[in-house]
N, C-alpha and C. Protein backbone atom coordinates (compact mmCIF):
# COMPACT_ATOMS: atom_id res chain seq x y z
N MET A 1 119.21 83.84 110.86
CA MET A 1 118.83 84.36 109.44
C MET A 1 119.97 84.22 108.48
N SER A 2 119.73 83.57 107.36
CA SER A 2 120.63 83.25 106.36
C SER A 2 120.93 84.34 105.39
N LEU A 3 121.99 84.27 104.76
CA LEU A 3 122.23 85.25 103.60
C LEU A 3 121.37 85.00 102.56
N GLU A 4 120.84 83.70 102.29
CA GLU A 4 120.02 83.37 101.16
C GLU A 4 118.68 84.13 101.37
N ALA A 5 118.17 84.25 102.66
CA ALA A 5 116.95 84.73 102.97
C ALA A 5 116.99 86.27 102.74
N LEU A 6 118.08 86.95 103.10
CA LEU A 6 118.22 88.36 102.87
C LEU A 6 118.22 88.67 101.45
N ILE A 7 119.11 87.88 100.74
CA ILE A 7 119.03 88.09 99.11
C ILE A 7 117.57 87.94 98.58
N ALA A 8 116.88 86.93 99.12
CA ALA A 8 115.51 86.72 98.41
C ALA A 8 114.75 87.85 98.73
N PHE A 9 114.84 88.44 100.12
CA PHE A 9 113.97 89.60 100.53
C PHE A 9 114.38 90.77 99.71
N ASN A 10 115.57 91.01 99.37
CA ASN A 10 116.12 92.24 98.51
C ASN A 10 115.60 92.00 97.09
N LEU A 11 115.59 90.88 96.61
CA LEU A 11 115.15 90.64 95.09
C LEU A 11 113.72 90.97 95.10
N VAL A 12 112.86 90.54 95.97
CA VAL A 12 111.42 90.84 95.99
C VAL A 12 111.23 92.22 96.10
N LEU A 13 112.02 93.00 97.02
CA LEU A 13 111.84 94.43 97.18
C LEU A 13 112.16 95.20 95.85
N LEU A 14 113.35 94.68 95.26
CA LEU A 14 113.69 95.46 93.92
C LEU A 14 112.75 95.31 92.86
N ALA A 15 112.08 93.97 92.83
CA ALA A 15 110.94 93.77 91.86
C ALA A 15 109.90 94.71 92.09
N ALA A 16 109.47 94.88 93.46
CA ALA A 16 108.44 95.70 93.72
C ALA A 16 108.68 97.18 93.48
N LEU A 17 109.84 97.52 93.83
CA LEU A 17 110.36 98.96 93.34
C LEU A 17 110.17 99.29 92.06
N ALA A 18 110.66 98.30 91.13
CA ALA A 18 110.80 98.62 89.73
C ALA A 18 109.37 98.55 89.10
N SER A 19 108.35 98.09 89.77
CA SER A 19 107.02 98.01 89.18
C SER A 19 106.36 99.40 89.23
N PRO A 20 105.94 99.96 88.16
CA PRO A 20 105.39 101.27 88.12
C PRO A 20 104.18 101.35 89.16
N GLY A 21 104.16 102.31 90.02
CA GLY A 21 103.17 102.64 90.89
C GLY A 21 103.05 104.03 91.29
N ALA A 22 102.24 104.30 92.36
CA ALA A 22 102.17 105.68 92.74
C ALA A 22 103.43 106.29 93.23
N ALA A 23 104.27 105.47 93.95
CA ALA A 23 105.48 106.16 94.56
C ALA A 23 106.34 106.39 93.40
N MET A 24 106.52 105.56 92.49
CA MET A 24 107.57 105.89 91.43
C MET A 24 107.06 106.96 90.52
N LEU A 25 105.68 106.97 90.29
CA LEU A 25 105.27 108.08 89.54
C LEU A 25 105.34 109.43 90.17
N TYR A 26 105.07 109.48 91.55
CA TYR A 26 105.23 110.69 92.26
C TYR A 26 106.63 111.23 92.36
N THR A 27 107.66 110.24 92.47
CA THR A 27 109.04 110.55 92.43
C THR A 27 109.47 111.19 91.07
N VAL A 28 108.98 110.61 89.96
CA VAL A 28 109.27 111.01 88.64
C VAL A 28 108.78 112.50 88.52
N LYS A 29 107.48 112.69 88.81
CA LYS A 29 106.86 114.03 88.63
C LYS A 29 107.66 115.06 89.51
N LYS A 30 107.91 114.71 90.86
CA LYS A 30 108.61 115.56 91.70
C LYS A 30 110.03 115.93 91.13
N THR A 31 110.69 114.97 90.60
CA THR A 31 112.12 115.23 90.20
C THR A 31 112.16 116.12 88.96
N VAL A 32 111.35 115.88 87.95
CA VAL A 32 111.45 116.61 86.69
C VAL A 32 110.74 117.90 86.79
N SER A 33 109.93 118.13 87.87
CA SER A 33 109.25 119.33 88.01
C SER A 33 110.04 120.38 88.93
N ALA A 34 110.54 119.70 90.05
CA ALA A 34 111.21 120.44 91.12
C ALA A 34 112.68 120.39 91.18
N GLY A 35 113.26 119.35 90.41
CA GLY A 35 114.79 119.21 90.48
C GLY A 35 115.26 118.11 91.27
N ARG A 36 116.57 117.92 91.23
CA ARG A 36 117.22 116.69 91.86
C ARG A 36 117.02 116.67 93.45
N ARG A 37 117.23 117.78 94.01
CA ARG A 37 117.16 117.81 95.47
C ARG A 37 115.79 117.37 96.02
N ALA A 38 114.79 117.86 95.32
CA ALA A 38 113.45 117.63 95.73
C ALA A 38 113.12 116.21 95.48
N GLY A 39 113.58 115.63 94.34
CA GLY A 39 113.39 114.24 93.95
C GLY A 39 114.11 113.31 95.05
N MET A 40 115.29 113.68 95.39
CA MET A 40 116.00 112.83 96.43
C MET A 40 115.32 112.88 97.79
N MET A 41 114.87 114.07 98.19
CA MET A 41 114.14 114.01 99.43
C MET A 41 112.81 113.27 99.40
N THR A 42 112.17 113.30 98.22
CA THR A 42 110.85 112.56 98.09
C THR A 42 111.23 111.09 98.23
N GLY A 43 112.29 110.70 97.50
CA GLY A 43 112.63 109.25 97.56
C GLY A 43 113.00 108.84 98.90
N MET A 44 113.57 109.71 99.71
CA MET A 44 113.94 109.40 101.15
C MET A 44 112.79 109.21 101.94
N GLY A 45 111.83 110.10 101.70
CA GLY A 45 110.55 110.06 102.47
C GLY A 45 109.74 108.65 102.15
N LEU A 46 109.85 108.42 100.89
CA LEU A 46 109.03 107.16 100.40
C LEU A 46 109.77 105.97 100.98
N GLY A 47 111.02 105.88 100.99
CA GLY A 47 111.90 104.83 101.36
C GLY A 47 111.72 104.74 103.04
N THR A 48 111.72 105.75 103.68
CA THR A 48 111.59 105.72 105.12
C THR A 48 110.16 105.13 105.54
N ALA A 49 109.16 105.71 104.87
CA ALA A 49 107.84 105.16 105.16
C ALA A 49 107.69 103.60 104.78
N ALA A 50 108.39 103.18 103.66
CA ALA A 50 108.30 101.65 103.33
C ALA A 50 108.98 100.90 104.39
N ALA A 51 110.13 101.39 104.96
CA ALA A 51 111.03 100.55 105.98
C ALA A 51 110.13 100.59 107.25
N CYS A 52 109.50 101.74 107.55
CA CYS A 52 108.60 101.65 108.73
C CYS A 52 107.49 100.68 108.55
N TRP A 53 106.94 100.44 107.36
CA TRP A 53 105.87 99.41 107.22
C TRP A 53 106.56 97.99 107.41
N THR A 54 107.78 97.81 106.99
CA THR A 54 108.29 96.55 107.24
C THR A 54 108.57 96.33 108.80
N LEU A 55 108.93 97.30 109.41
CA LEU A 55 109.12 97.28 110.93
C LEU A 55 107.81 96.87 111.52
N ALA A 56 106.69 97.62 111.07
CA ALA A 56 105.41 97.33 111.47
C ALA A 56 105.00 95.88 111.31
N ALA A 57 105.26 95.31 110.13
CA ALA A 57 105.01 93.92 109.79
C ALA A 57 105.64 93.00 110.80
N PHE A 58 107.08 93.26 111.02
CA PHE A 58 107.64 92.45 112.10
C PHE A 58 107.04 92.55 113.33
N LEU A 59 106.51 93.70 113.68
CA LEU A 59 105.86 93.91 115.07
C LEU A 59 104.36 93.33 115.07
N GLY A 60 103.91 92.77 113.95
CA GLY A 60 102.47 92.38 113.89
C GLY A 60 101.37 93.37 113.82
N LEU A 61 101.66 94.37 113.09
CA LEU A 61 100.59 95.32 113.05
C LEU A 61 99.27 94.86 112.15
N GLU A 62 99.72 93.94 111.33
CA GLU A 62 98.51 93.32 110.50
C GLU A 62 97.59 92.72 111.32
N SER A 63 97.94 92.17 112.55
CA SER A 63 97.07 91.59 113.42
C SER A 63 96.20 92.67 114.04
N VAL A 64 96.70 93.76 114.20
CA VAL A 64 95.98 94.94 114.80
C VAL A 64 94.92 95.34 113.72
N PHE A 65 95.35 95.44 112.51
CA PHE A 65 94.37 95.85 111.48
C PHE A 65 93.23 94.77 111.29
N ALA A 66 93.61 93.42 111.58
CA ALA A 66 92.63 92.40 111.45
C ALA A 66 91.54 92.63 112.68
N LEU A 67 92.11 93.12 113.73
CA LEU A 67 91.22 93.27 114.94
C LEU A 67 90.43 94.44 114.72
N PHE A 68 90.95 95.63 114.19
CA PHE A 68 90.40 96.88 114.06
C PHE A 68 90.29 97.21 112.64
N PRO A 69 89.40 96.67 111.71
CA PRO A 69 89.44 96.84 110.28
C PRO A 69 89.24 98.30 109.96
N TRP A 70 88.50 99.10 110.80
CA TRP A 70 88.28 100.39 110.65
C TRP A 70 89.64 101.34 110.53
N ALA A 71 90.47 100.86 111.35
CA ALA A 71 91.81 101.72 111.35
C ALA A 71 92.49 101.41 110.00
N TYR A 72 92.52 100.30 109.46
CA TYR A 72 93.03 100.01 108.23
C TYR A 72 92.29 100.81 107.10
N GLY A 73 90.99 100.75 107.18
CA GLY A 73 90.18 101.38 106.18
C GLY A 73 90.34 102.93 106.24
N ALA A 74 90.57 103.51 107.49
CA ALA A 74 90.63 104.94 107.52
C ALA A 74 92.08 105.35 107.00
N LEU A 75 93.07 104.59 107.26
CA LEU A 75 94.38 104.85 106.73
C LEU A 75 94.49 104.80 105.31
N LYS A 76 93.84 103.79 104.80
CA LYS A 76 93.74 103.53 103.26
C LYS A 76 92.98 104.67 102.67
N ALA A 77 91.92 105.07 103.25
CA ALA A 77 91.06 106.20 102.59
C ALA A 77 91.82 107.48 102.56
N GLY A 78 92.54 107.80 103.79
CA GLY A 78 93.29 108.98 103.81
C GLY A 78 94.40 109.04 102.76
N GLY A 79 95.11 107.90 102.58
CA GLY A 79 96.17 107.85 101.58
C GLY A 79 95.57 108.05 100.11
N ALA A 80 94.40 107.44 99.85
CA ALA A 80 93.75 107.55 98.64
C ALA A 80 93.41 108.93 98.30
N LEU A 81 92.78 109.68 99.34
CA LEU A 81 92.41 111.02 99.15
C LEU A 81 93.62 111.88 98.87
N TYR A 82 94.66 111.67 99.51
CA TYR A 82 95.89 112.41 99.33
C TYR A 82 96.42 112.22 97.88
N LEU A 83 96.38 110.98 97.38
CA LEU A 83 96.74 110.76 95.95
C LEU A 83 95.87 111.53 95.01
N ILE A 84 94.53 111.50 95.22
CA ILE A 84 93.48 112.23 94.55
C ILE A 84 93.75 113.71 94.55
N TRP A 85 94.08 114.25 95.73
CA TRP A 85 94.43 115.59 95.83
C TRP A 85 95.58 115.94 95.07
N ILE A 86 96.65 115.24 95.11
CA ILE A 86 97.96 115.55 94.22
C ILE A 86 97.51 115.52 92.74
N ALA A 87 96.64 114.56 92.41
CA ALA A 87 96.13 114.39 90.86
C ALA A 87 95.53 115.74 90.50
N VAL A 88 94.55 116.11 91.41
CA VAL A 88 93.68 117.34 90.99
C VAL A 88 94.61 118.53 90.86
N GLN A 89 95.60 118.71 91.81
CA GLN A 89 96.50 119.82 91.79
C GLN A 89 97.30 119.78 90.56
N THR A 90 97.95 118.62 90.19
CA THR A 90 98.78 118.41 89.02
C THR A 90 97.92 118.74 87.77
N TRP A 91 96.61 118.27 87.63
CA TRP A 91 95.91 118.62 86.50
C TRP A 91 95.64 120.13 86.30
N ARG A 92 95.28 120.82 87.51
CA ARG A 92 94.93 122.15 87.49
C ARG A 92 96.04 123.10 87.07
N HIS A 93 97.29 122.63 87.52
CA HIS A 93 98.54 123.47 87.11
C HIS A 93 99.26 122.88 86.05
N ALA A 94 98.71 122.07 85.09
CA ALA A 94 99.36 121.50 83.94
C ALA A 94 100.01 122.59 83.04
N ARG A 95 99.20 123.54 82.80
CA ARG A 95 99.70 124.61 81.87
C ARG A 95 100.45 125.76 82.50
N ALA A 96 100.52 125.85 83.77
CA ALA A 96 101.20 126.77 84.36
C ALA A 96 102.73 126.65 84.34
N PRO A 97 103.48 127.74 84.20
CA PRO A 97 104.85 127.55 84.16
C PRO A 97 105.45 127.15 85.43
N LEU A 98 106.61 126.51 85.37
CA LEU A 98 107.32 126.08 86.54
C LEU A 98 107.76 127.13 87.47
N ASN A 99 107.49 126.94 88.82
CA ASN A 99 108.02 127.88 89.81
C ASN A 99 109.52 127.59 90.11
N ASP A 100 110.40 128.51 89.90
CA ASP A 100 111.81 128.27 90.01
C ASP A 100 112.32 128.25 91.40
N ALA A 101 111.34 128.75 92.32
CA ALA A 101 111.71 128.66 93.75
C ALA A 101 111.92 127.17 94.16
N PRO A 102 113.00 126.90 94.87
CA PRO A 102 113.28 125.58 95.25
C PRO A 102 112.22 125.11 96.27
N THR A 103 111.85 123.84 96.14
CA THR A 103 110.98 123.27 97.03
C THR A 103 111.55 122.99 98.39
N PRO A 104 111.10 123.36 99.57
CA PRO A 104 111.84 123.11 100.84
C PRO A 104 111.96 121.58 100.91
N SER A 105 113.22 121.17 101.39
CA SER A 105 113.49 119.75 101.61
C SER A 105 112.56 118.98 102.47
N ALA A 106 112.11 119.73 103.63
CA ALA A 106 111.33 118.97 104.45
C ALA A 106 109.93 118.76 103.86
N ARG A 107 109.49 119.63 103.09
CA ARG A 107 108.18 119.36 102.25
C ARG A 107 108.24 118.28 101.37
N SER A 108 109.32 118.20 100.63
CA SER A 108 109.56 117.00 99.73
C SER A 108 109.57 115.62 100.42
N PHE A 109 110.27 115.74 101.48
CA PHE A 109 110.37 114.45 102.44
C PHE A 109 109.07 114.04 102.90
N ALA A 110 108.27 115.15 103.52
CA ALA A 110 106.97 114.82 103.91
C ALA A 110 105.93 114.29 102.94
N GLY A 111 106.17 114.82 101.80
CA GLY A 111 105.26 114.33 100.64
C GLY A 111 105.50 112.79 100.38
N GLY A 112 106.71 112.45 100.34
CA GLY A 112 107.07 111.08 100.16
C GLY A 112 106.64 110.18 101.20
N LEU A 113 106.76 110.65 102.48
CA LEU A 113 106.30 109.97 103.61
C LEU A 113 104.65 109.69 103.63
N LEU A 114 103.96 110.74 103.20
CA LEU A 114 102.51 110.69 103.19
C LEU A 114 102.08 109.77 102.00
N VAL A 115 102.74 109.76 100.87
CA VAL A 115 102.27 108.80 99.84
C VAL A 115 102.50 107.32 100.28
N ASN A 116 103.48 107.04 100.87
CA ASN A 116 103.71 105.65 101.46
C ASN A 116 103.05 105.23 102.58
N PHE A 117 102.89 106.24 103.52
CA PHE A 117 102.25 105.93 104.76
C PHE A 117 100.68 105.67 104.58
N GLY A 118 100.29 106.45 103.46
CA GLY A 118 98.83 106.27 103.06
C GLY A 118 98.58 104.95 102.34
N ASN A 119 99.50 104.15 102.31
CA ASN A 119 99.15 102.88 101.49
C ASN A 119 99.51 101.67 102.37
N PRO A 120 98.63 101.32 103.36
CA PRO A 120 98.95 100.18 104.18
C PRO A 120 99.10 98.80 103.57
N LYS A 121 98.80 98.67 102.30
CA LYS A 121 98.93 97.50 101.58
C LYS A 121 100.49 97.21 101.65
N SER A 122 101.36 98.23 101.64
CA SER A 122 102.77 98.01 101.71
C SER A 122 103.16 97.15 102.93
N MET A 123 102.42 97.48 104.02
CA MET A 123 102.69 96.65 105.15
C MET A 123 102.27 95.22 105.07
N LEU A 124 101.10 95.00 104.39
CA LEU A 124 100.61 93.53 104.20
C LEU A 124 101.55 92.90 103.31
N PHE A 125 102.08 93.57 102.26
CA PHE A 125 103.01 92.94 101.37
C PHE A 125 104.29 92.57 102.10
N ALA A 126 104.86 93.54 102.94
CA ALA A 126 106.03 93.18 103.63
C ALA A 126 105.78 92.06 104.52
N ALA A 127 104.59 91.98 105.23
CA ALA A 127 104.30 90.83 106.17
C ALA A 127 104.26 89.55 105.38
N ALA A 128 103.79 89.50 104.25
CA ALA A 128 103.72 88.31 103.37
C ALA A 128 105.14 87.78 102.97
N VAL A 129 105.93 88.83 102.61
CA VAL A 129 107.27 88.46 102.28
C VAL A 129 108.05 87.90 103.41
N ILE A 130 107.93 88.63 104.47
CA ILE A 130 108.65 88.15 105.83
C ILE A 130 108.25 86.81 106.14
N LEU A 131 106.92 86.52 106.10
CA LEU A 131 106.58 85.21 106.60
C LEU A 131 107.07 84.06 105.64
N VAL A 132 107.31 84.33 104.48
CA VAL A 132 107.73 83.40 103.47
C VAL A 132 109.30 83.20 103.54
N VAL A 133 110.04 84.37 103.70
CA VAL A 133 111.37 84.40 103.65
C VAL A 133 112.26 84.25 104.88
N PHE A 134 111.77 84.69 106.02
CA PHE A 134 112.43 84.63 107.17
C PHE A 134 111.86 83.75 108.23
N PRO A 135 112.77 83.09 109.08
CA PRO A 135 112.20 82.32 110.24
C PRO A 135 111.52 83.09 111.24
N LYS A 136 110.64 82.53 112.09
CA LYS A 136 109.80 83.28 113.05
C LYS A 136 110.67 83.85 114.24
N ASP A 137 111.89 83.30 114.50
CA ASP A 137 112.54 83.59 115.79
C ASP A 137 113.69 84.63 115.57
N LEU A 138 113.50 85.64 114.71
CA LEU A 138 114.49 86.59 114.55
C LEU A 138 114.62 87.39 115.78
N SER A 139 115.92 87.65 116.04
CA SER A 139 116.23 88.52 117.20
C SER A 139 115.91 90.03 116.91
N ALA A 140 115.87 90.87 117.96
CA ALA A 140 115.68 92.31 117.77
C ALA A 140 116.78 92.97 116.82
N GLY A 141 117.98 92.44 117.08
CA GLY A 141 119.09 92.99 116.25
C GLY A 141 118.99 92.48 114.73
N GLN A 142 118.57 91.33 114.54
CA GLN A 142 118.33 90.87 113.10
C GLN A 142 117.17 91.52 112.40
N ILE A 143 116.03 91.90 113.32
CA ILE A 143 114.90 92.63 112.71
C ILE A 143 115.38 94.10 112.35
N THR A 144 116.23 94.69 113.25
CA THR A 144 116.76 96.07 113.01
C THR A 144 117.66 96.01 111.70
N PHE A 145 118.39 94.90 111.58
CA PHE A 145 119.31 94.89 110.40
C PHE A 145 118.47 94.78 109.16
N VAL A 146 117.29 93.93 109.08
CA VAL A 146 116.59 93.81 107.92
C VAL A 146 115.78 95.14 107.55
N VAL A 147 115.34 95.77 108.55
CA VAL A 147 114.64 97.18 108.32
C VAL A 147 115.63 98.24 107.79
N LEU A 148 116.84 98.32 108.37
CA LEU A 148 117.90 99.19 107.95
C LEU A 148 118.32 98.84 106.51
N ASN A 149 118.49 97.52 106.20
CA ASN A 149 118.75 96.94 104.85
C ASN A 149 117.65 97.50 103.89
N HIS A 150 116.32 97.37 104.35
CA HIS A 150 115.24 97.72 103.46
C HIS A 150 115.40 99.23 103.18
N LEU A 151 115.58 100.17 104.17
CA LEU A 151 115.77 101.53 103.99
C LEU A 151 116.89 101.92 103.09
N ALA A 152 118.12 101.20 103.26
CA ALA A 152 119.19 101.50 102.35
C ALA A 152 118.88 101.09 100.95
N LEU A 153 118.20 100.01 100.67
CA LEU A 153 117.82 99.54 99.34
C LEU A 153 116.91 100.54 98.68
N GLU A 154 115.88 100.97 99.43
CA GLU A 154 114.95 102.07 98.87
C GLU A 154 115.66 103.39 98.61
N TRP A 155 116.51 103.77 99.42
CA TRP A 155 117.21 105.10 99.27
C TRP A 155 118.21 104.93 98.04
N LEU A 156 118.82 103.74 97.91
CA LEU A 156 119.69 103.54 96.64
C LEU A 156 118.91 103.54 95.45
N PHE A 157 117.68 102.86 95.45
CA PHE A 157 116.92 102.83 94.13
C PHE A 157 116.49 104.15 93.78
N TYR A 158 115.89 104.96 94.82
CA TYR A 158 115.43 106.25 94.37
C TYR A 158 116.68 107.27 94.05
N GLY A 159 117.74 107.04 94.63
CA GLY A 159 118.83 107.92 94.38
C GLY A 159 119.28 107.63 93.00
N ILE A 160 119.33 106.45 92.49
CA ILE A 160 119.57 106.05 90.99
C ILE A 160 118.65 106.65 90.06
N LEU A 161 117.38 106.37 90.50
CA LEU A 161 116.25 106.89 89.51
C LEU A 161 116.20 108.47 89.45
N VAL A 162 116.50 109.16 90.53
CA VAL A 162 116.37 110.50 90.66
C VAL A 162 117.64 111.13 89.80
N THR A 163 118.75 110.56 89.92
CA THR A 163 119.94 110.97 89.23
C THR A 163 119.75 110.86 87.75
N ALA A 164 119.17 109.82 87.32
CA ALA A 164 118.84 109.65 85.81
C ALA A 164 117.90 110.68 85.36
N LEU A 165 116.91 110.86 86.22
CA LEU A 165 115.74 111.77 85.68
C LEU A 165 116.08 113.30 85.78
N SER A 166 117.02 113.59 86.56
CA SER A 166 117.50 115.10 86.89
C SER A 166 118.49 115.50 85.83
N ALA A 167 118.81 114.68 84.87
CA ALA A 167 119.75 115.13 83.85
C ALA A 167 119.16 116.26 83.04
N PRO A 168 119.97 117.24 82.49
CA PRO A 168 119.28 118.26 81.80
C PRO A 168 118.41 117.95 80.59
N ALA A 169 118.75 116.82 79.96
CA ALA A 169 117.99 116.37 78.87
C ALA A 169 116.64 116.03 79.23
N ALA A 170 116.45 115.25 80.47
CA ALA A 170 115.21 114.74 80.93
C ALA A 170 114.34 116.06 81.32
N ARG A 171 114.98 116.94 81.98
CA ARG A 171 114.16 118.14 82.45
C ARG A 171 113.70 118.98 81.27
N ALA A 172 114.58 119.11 80.22
CA ALA A 172 114.23 119.95 79.08
C ALA A 172 113.06 119.29 78.26
N GLY A 173 113.16 117.97 78.24
CA GLY A 173 112.02 117.08 77.68
C GLY A 173 110.77 117.37 78.34
N TYR A 174 110.78 117.39 79.66
CA TYR A 174 109.65 117.53 80.53
C TYR A 174 109.03 118.98 80.26
N LEU A 175 109.93 119.97 80.22
CA LEU A 175 109.37 121.36 80.07
C LEU A 175 108.67 121.45 78.74
N ARG A 176 109.16 120.85 77.59
CA ARG A 176 108.56 120.92 76.33
C ARG A 176 107.18 120.28 76.43
N LEU A 177 107.04 119.22 77.10
CA LEU A 177 105.79 118.49 77.12
C LEU A 177 104.95 118.65 78.51
N LYS A 178 105.17 119.63 79.16
CA LYS A 178 104.71 119.62 80.55
C LYS A 178 103.30 119.46 80.65
N PRO A 179 102.34 120.13 79.81
CA PRO A 179 100.98 119.92 79.85
C PRO A 179 100.47 118.55 79.70
N ILE A 180 101.10 117.90 78.64
CA ILE A 180 100.79 116.43 78.37
C ILE A 180 101.22 115.67 79.54
N PHE A 181 102.53 115.76 79.92
CA PHE A 181 103.07 114.91 81.00
C PHE A 181 102.31 115.03 82.29
N ASP A 182 101.90 116.32 82.55
CA ASP A 182 101.23 116.44 83.85
C ASP A 182 99.88 115.94 83.93
N ARG A 183 99.13 116.04 82.75
CA ARG A 183 97.88 115.46 82.74
C ARG A 183 97.83 113.91 82.67
N ILE A 184 98.85 113.26 82.01
CA ILE A 184 99.09 111.86 82.10
C ILE A 184 99.32 111.48 83.56
N ALA A 185 100.18 112.22 84.17
CA ALA A 185 100.57 111.85 85.62
C ALA A 185 99.42 112.02 86.51
N ALA A 186 98.67 113.09 86.29
CA ALA A 186 97.46 113.44 87.18
C ALA A 186 96.40 112.34 86.96
N SER A 187 96.28 111.81 85.80
CA SER A 187 95.31 110.76 85.53
C SER A 187 95.74 109.45 86.11
N LEU A 188 97.05 109.02 86.08
CA LEU A 188 97.42 107.88 86.76
C LEU A 188 97.43 107.96 88.25
N LEU A 189 97.89 109.09 88.76
CA LEU A 189 97.82 109.23 90.21
C LEU A 189 96.32 109.10 90.76
N GLY A 190 95.52 109.72 89.99
CA GLY A 190 94.04 109.74 90.50
C GLY A 190 93.51 108.32 90.34
N ALA A 191 94.05 107.58 89.29
CA ALA A 191 93.49 106.21 89.17
C ALA A 191 94.00 105.36 90.40
N PHE A 192 95.23 105.59 90.66
CA PHE A 192 95.89 104.86 91.89
C PHE A 192 95.11 105.06 93.10
N GLY A 193 94.71 106.51 93.28
CA GLY A 193 93.97 106.84 94.39
C GLY A 193 92.59 106.27 94.45
N LEU A 194 91.97 106.33 93.41
CA LEU A 194 90.55 105.64 93.30
C LEU A 194 90.61 104.21 93.51
N ARG A 195 91.59 103.50 92.95
CA ARG A 195 91.72 102.03 93.18
C ARG A 195 91.88 101.64 94.69
N LEU A 196 92.82 102.52 95.33
CA LEU A 196 93.07 102.43 96.71
C LEU A 196 91.82 102.60 97.47
N LEU A 197 90.94 103.59 97.14
CA LEU A 197 89.89 103.93 97.81
C LEU A 197 88.70 102.88 97.59
N LEU A 198 88.65 102.37 96.54
CA LEU A 198 87.48 101.34 96.17
C LEU A 198 87.75 99.94 96.57
N GLU A 199 89.14 99.61 96.64
CA GLU A 199 89.36 98.17 96.90
C GLU A 199 89.00 97.81 98.27
N ARG A 200 88.57 96.52 98.29
CA ARG A 200 88.13 95.92 99.64
C ARG A 200 89.27 95.21 100.33
């Protein structure tokens, strides 16, 4: 495995992370509504799930999905319904004041895991990138290194994002516009969920 291949893999991952999607929107919503710790744990959950999808791609899970398309469909439907459920709850509580009780770290982490585990397209994306970037004969140690590298990159990205969003000015701005922001977030999360549910 060459350094150039690893750099190419990281650049593609960073481009994907920076593209607005359900994971980023969920992190933003969680951070500005529940605070820095909840945002960090959400990002760690998202990153852990994404790295697991990369490991699954190395292990050939896309072949299993090709043999058993119902498994892929069931996982995708579950993820879509979870996003839609988040969207409905966000819309319903848009005008409710924030609950100042801290969100349990395990709950925030699990929420991040569920959002990314419910999107098996992440694994197909990872498989495509791996196929293009890396040779086929990677050792177990090299695969482990790539997966841990992916995990570190995800955690670093979400750590920077959450740190920026948890600034007092960002939180104050969210509180002023909470009903509007929450309904925009709910609409986008719902749209992501519907797209995931309806895509073939």
